[in-house]
C-alpha atoms as a PDB file:
ATOM      1  CA  MET A   1      26.609 119.983 179.940  1.00  0.00           C
ATOM      2  CA  SER A   2      29.128 118.251 177.607  1.00  0.00           C
ATOM      3  CA  LYS A   3      30.669 114.966 178.797  1.00  0.00           C
ATOM      4  CA  ASN A   4      34.281 115.715 177.335  1.00  0.00           C
ATOM      5  CA  HIS A   5      35.565 113.234 179.462  1.00  0.00           C
ATOM      6  CA  ARG A   6      33.657 109.837 178.519  1.00  0.00           C
ATOM      7  CA  GLY A   7      33.089 107.502 175.857  1.00  0.00           C
ATOM      8  CA  LYS A   8      33.004 109.545 172.301  1.00  0.00           C
ATOM      9  CA  GLY A   9      35.337 112.191 173.352  1.00  0.00           C
ATOM     10  CA  ILE A  10      37.962 109.880 174.159  1.00  0.00           C
ATOM     11  CA  ARG A  11      37.481 107.999 171.587  1.00  0.00           C
ATOM     12  CA  ASP A  12      40.458 109.383 169.236  1.00  0.00           C
ATOM     13  CA  GLN A  13      42.734 109.486 172.186  1.00  0.00           C
ATOM     14  CA  PHE A  14      45.801 106.820 172.310  1.00  0.00           C
ATOM     15  CA  ALA A  15      44.058 103.703 174.574  1.00  0.00           C
ATOM     16  CA  HIS A  16      40.648 105.099 174.455  1.00  0.00           C
ATOM     17  CA  GLY A  17      42.772 107.746 177.127  1.00  0.00           C
ATOM     18  CA  ARG A  18      43.687 104.963 179.281  1.00  0.00           C
ATOM     19  CA  GLY A  19      47.458 104.285 180.770  1.00  0.00           C
ATOM     20  CA  GLU A  20      49.032 104.595 183.884  1.00  0.00           C
ATOM     21  CA  CYS A  21      48.811 107.683 186.656  1.00  0.00           C
ATOM     22  CA  PRO A  22      52.868 109.197 186.815  1.00  0.00           C
ATOM     23  CA  VAL A  23      51.261 110.395 190.210  1.00  0.00           C
ATOM     24  CA  CYS A  24      49.477 107.677 192.148  1.00  0.00           C
ATOM     25  CA  LYS A  25      51.390 105.338 189.166  1.00  0.00           C
ATOM     26  CA  ARG A  26      47.672 103.489 188.653  1.00  0.00           C
ATOM     27  CA  ASN A  27      47.113 101.139 185.880  1.00  0.00           C
ATOM     28  CA  SER A  28      44.093 101.523 183.090  1.00  0.00           C
ATOM     29  CA  VAL A  29      42.898 104.631 184.609  1.00  0.00           C
ATOM     30  CA  LYS A  30      41.420 107.451 182.363  1.00  0.00           C
ATOM     31  CA  ILE A  31      44.208 109.975 182.094  1.00  0.00           C
ATOM     32  CA  LEU A  32      42.461 112.914 180.405  1.00  0.00           C
ATOM     33  CA  TYR A  33      43.251 116.172 182.888  1.00  0.00           C
ATOM     34  CA  GLU A  34      46.472 117.859 182.357  1.00  0.00           C
ATOM     35  CA  GLN A  35      48.067 119.785 184.697  1.00  0.00           C
ATOM     36  CA  GLU A  36      51.057 122.203 184.458  1.00  0.00           C
ATOM     37  CA  ALA A  37      54.527 122.146 187.113  1.00  0.00           C
ATOM     38  CA  GLU A  38      57.018 124.199 186.268  1.00  0.00           C
ATOM     39  CA  GLY A  39      56.684 124.298 182.700  1.00  0.00           C
ATOM     40  CA  GLN A  40      55.476 120.915 182.353  1.00  0.00           C
ATOM     41  CA  LYS A  41      52.118 119.723 181.186  1.00  0.00           C
ATOM     42  CA  PHE A  42      51.321 116.164 182.998  1.00  0.00           C
ATOM     43  CA  LYS A  43      47.891 114.355 181.776  1.00  0.00           C
ATOM     44  CA  ILE A  44      46.298 112.463 185.123  1.00  0.00           C
ATOM     45  CA  CYS A  45      43.880 110.646 186.663  1.00  0.00           C
ATOM     46  CA  LYS A  46      40.724 112.615 188.370  1.00  0.00           C
ATOM     47  CA  VAL A  47      41.530 111.044 191.655  1.00  0.00           C
ATOM     48  CA  CYS A  48      45.133 112.892 191.464  1.00  0.00           C
ATOM     49  CA  LYS A  49      43.478 116.021 189.723  1.00  0.00           C
ATOM     50  CA  ALA A  50      41.378 116.796 192.943  1.00  0.00           C
ATOM     51  CA  ALA A  51      43.931 115.488 195.451  1.00  0.00           C
ATOM     52  CA  VAL A  52      46.804 118.048 193.461  1.00  0.00           C
ATOM     53  CA  LYS A  53      44.080 120.803 193.825  1.00  0.00           C
ATOM     54  CA  ASN A  54      43.346 120.093 197.450  1.00  0.00           C
ATOM     55  CA  GLY A  55      47.230 120.559 198.581  1.00  0.00           C
ATOM     56  CA  LYS A  56      46.815 116.336 199.128  1.00  0.00           C
ATOM     57  CA  LYS A  57      49.541 115.536 196.265  1.00  0.00           C
ATOM     58  CA  SER A  58      52.180 117.204 194.146  1.00  0.00           C
ATOM     59  CA  LEU A  59      52.782 116.386 190.564  1.00  0.00           C
ATOM     60  CA  PRO A  60      56.123 114.334 190.187  1.00  0.00           C
ATOM     61  CA  VAL A  61      58.964 116.696 188.869  1.00  0.00           C
ATOM     62  CA  VAL A  62      60.942 115.801 185.822  1.00  0.00           C
ATOM     63  CA  LYS A  63      64.636 116.644 186.615  1.00  0.00           C
ATOM     64  CA  SER A  64      66.771 117.859 183.476  1.00  0.00           C
ATOM     65  CA  ALA A  65      69.048 116.081 182.124  1.00  0.00           C
ATOM     66  CA  GLU A  66      72.540 118.006 183.516  1.00  0.00           C
ATOM     67  CA  ALA A  67      76.405 116.983 181.604  1.00  0.00           C
ATOM     68  CA  PRO A  68      78.057 115.200 183.770  1.00  0.00           C
ATOM     69  CA  LYS A  69      81.195 116.584 185.755  1.00  0.00           C
ATOM     70  CA  THR A  70      84.297 115.852 184.769  1.00  0.00           C
ATOM     71  CA  ASP A  71      87.221 116.236 186.834  1.00  0.00           C
ATOM     72  CA  ALA A  72      89.662 118.541 185.047  1.00  0.00           C
ATOM     73  CA  THR A  73      93.117 117.831 187.329  1.00  0.00           C
ATOM     74  CA  ALA A  74      93.041 114.392 186.125  1.00  0.00           C
ATOM     75  CA  GLY A  75      96.295 114.417 183.750  1.00  0.00           C
END
Protein backbone atom coordinates (compact mmCIF):
# COMPACT_ATOMS: atom_id res chain seq x y z
CA MET A 1 0.00 0.00 0.00
CA SER A 2 1.45 3.35 -1.01
CA LYS A 3 2.02 6.19 1.42
CA ASN A 4 1.95 9.21 -0.87
CA HIS A 5 1.03 11.72 1.81
CA ARG A 6 3.89 10.94 4.21
CA GLY A 7 7.65 11.38 4.45
CA LYS A 8 9.56 11.17 1.17
CA GLY A 9 6.47 11.77 -0.96
CA ILE A 10 5.99 15.31 0.37
CA ARG A 11 9.58 16.50 0.80
CA ASP A 12 9.68 18.10 -2.63
CA GLN A 13 6.58 20.24 -1.98
CA PHE A 14 6.65 23.77 -0.59
CA ALA A 15 7.02 23.67 3.22
CA HIS A 16 6.82 19.85 3.02
CA GLY A 17 3.14 20.06 2.17
CA ARG A 18 2.19 22.12 5.21
CA GLY A 19 0.25 25.35 5.35
CA GLU A 20 -3.15 26.82 6.19
CA CYS A 21 -6.27 24.91 5.18
CA PRO A 22 -8.69 27.23 3.32
CA VAL A 23 -11.73 25.45 4.80
CA CYS A 24 -10.97 25.16 8.53
CA LYS A 25 -8.24 27.87 8.69
CA ARG A 26 -5.89 25.69 10.76
CA ASN A 27 -2.15 26.42 10.43
CA SER A 28 0.74 24.00 9.98
CA VAL A 29 -1.38 21.07 8.83
CA LYS A 30 -0.69 18.97 5.75
CA ILE A 31 -2.71 20.35 2.85
CA LEU A 32 -2.21 17.56 0.36
CA TYR A 33 -5.68 16.62 -0.83
CA GLU A 34 -7.05 18.29 -3.96
CA GLN A 35 -10.75 19.07 -4.25
CA GLU A 36 -12.48 20.86 -7.10
CA ALA A 37 -15.41 23.27 -6.78
CA GLU A 38 -16.86 25.32 -9.63
CA GLY A 39 -13.78 24.86 -11.80
CA GLN A 40 -11.34 25.88 -9.05
CA LYS A 41 -8.96 23.46 -7.38
CA PHE A 42 -8.23 23.68 -3.67
CA LYS A 43 -5.69 21.84 -1.57
CA ILE A 44 -7.24 20.99 1.79
CA CYS A 45 -6.38 18.97 4.90
CA LYS A 46 -7.38 15.36 5.52
CA VAL A 47 -10.10 16.20 8.05
CA CYS A 48 -11.79 18.70 5.72
CA LYS A 49 -11.52 16.27 2.80
CA ALA A 50 -13.61 13.76 4.73
CA ALA A 51 -16.07 16.44 5.86
CA VAL A 52 -16.55 17.73 2.30
CA LYS A 53 -17.05 14.17 1.04
CA ASN A 54 -19.74 13.53 3.68
CA GLY A 55 -21.45 16.89 3.10
CA LYS A 56 -20.63 18.38 6.51
CA LYS A 57 -18.51 21.24 5.11
CA SER A 58 -18.33 23.06 1.80
CA LEU A 59 -15.37 24.45 -0.08
CA PRO A 60 -14.83 28.22 -0.13
CA VAL A 61 -16.02 29.92 -3.29
CA VAL A 62 -13.68 32.61 -4.58
CA LYS A 63 -15.66 35.26 -6.40
CA SER A 64 -14.08 36.67 -9.52
CA ALA A 65 -13.33 40.37 -9.50
CA GLU A 66 -15.99 42.11 -11.55
CA ALA A 67 -15.53 45.54 -13.08
CA PRO A 68 -17.08 48.23 -10.89
CA LYS A 69 -20.29 49.63 -12.29
CA THR A 70 -20.20 53.32 -13.09
CA ASP A 71 -23.17 55.65 -13.24
CA ALA A 72 -23.43 56.90 -16.83
CA THR A 73 -25.97 59.62 -15.95
CA ALA A 74 -23.48 61.71 -13.98
CA GLY A 75 -21.95 64.39 -16.06
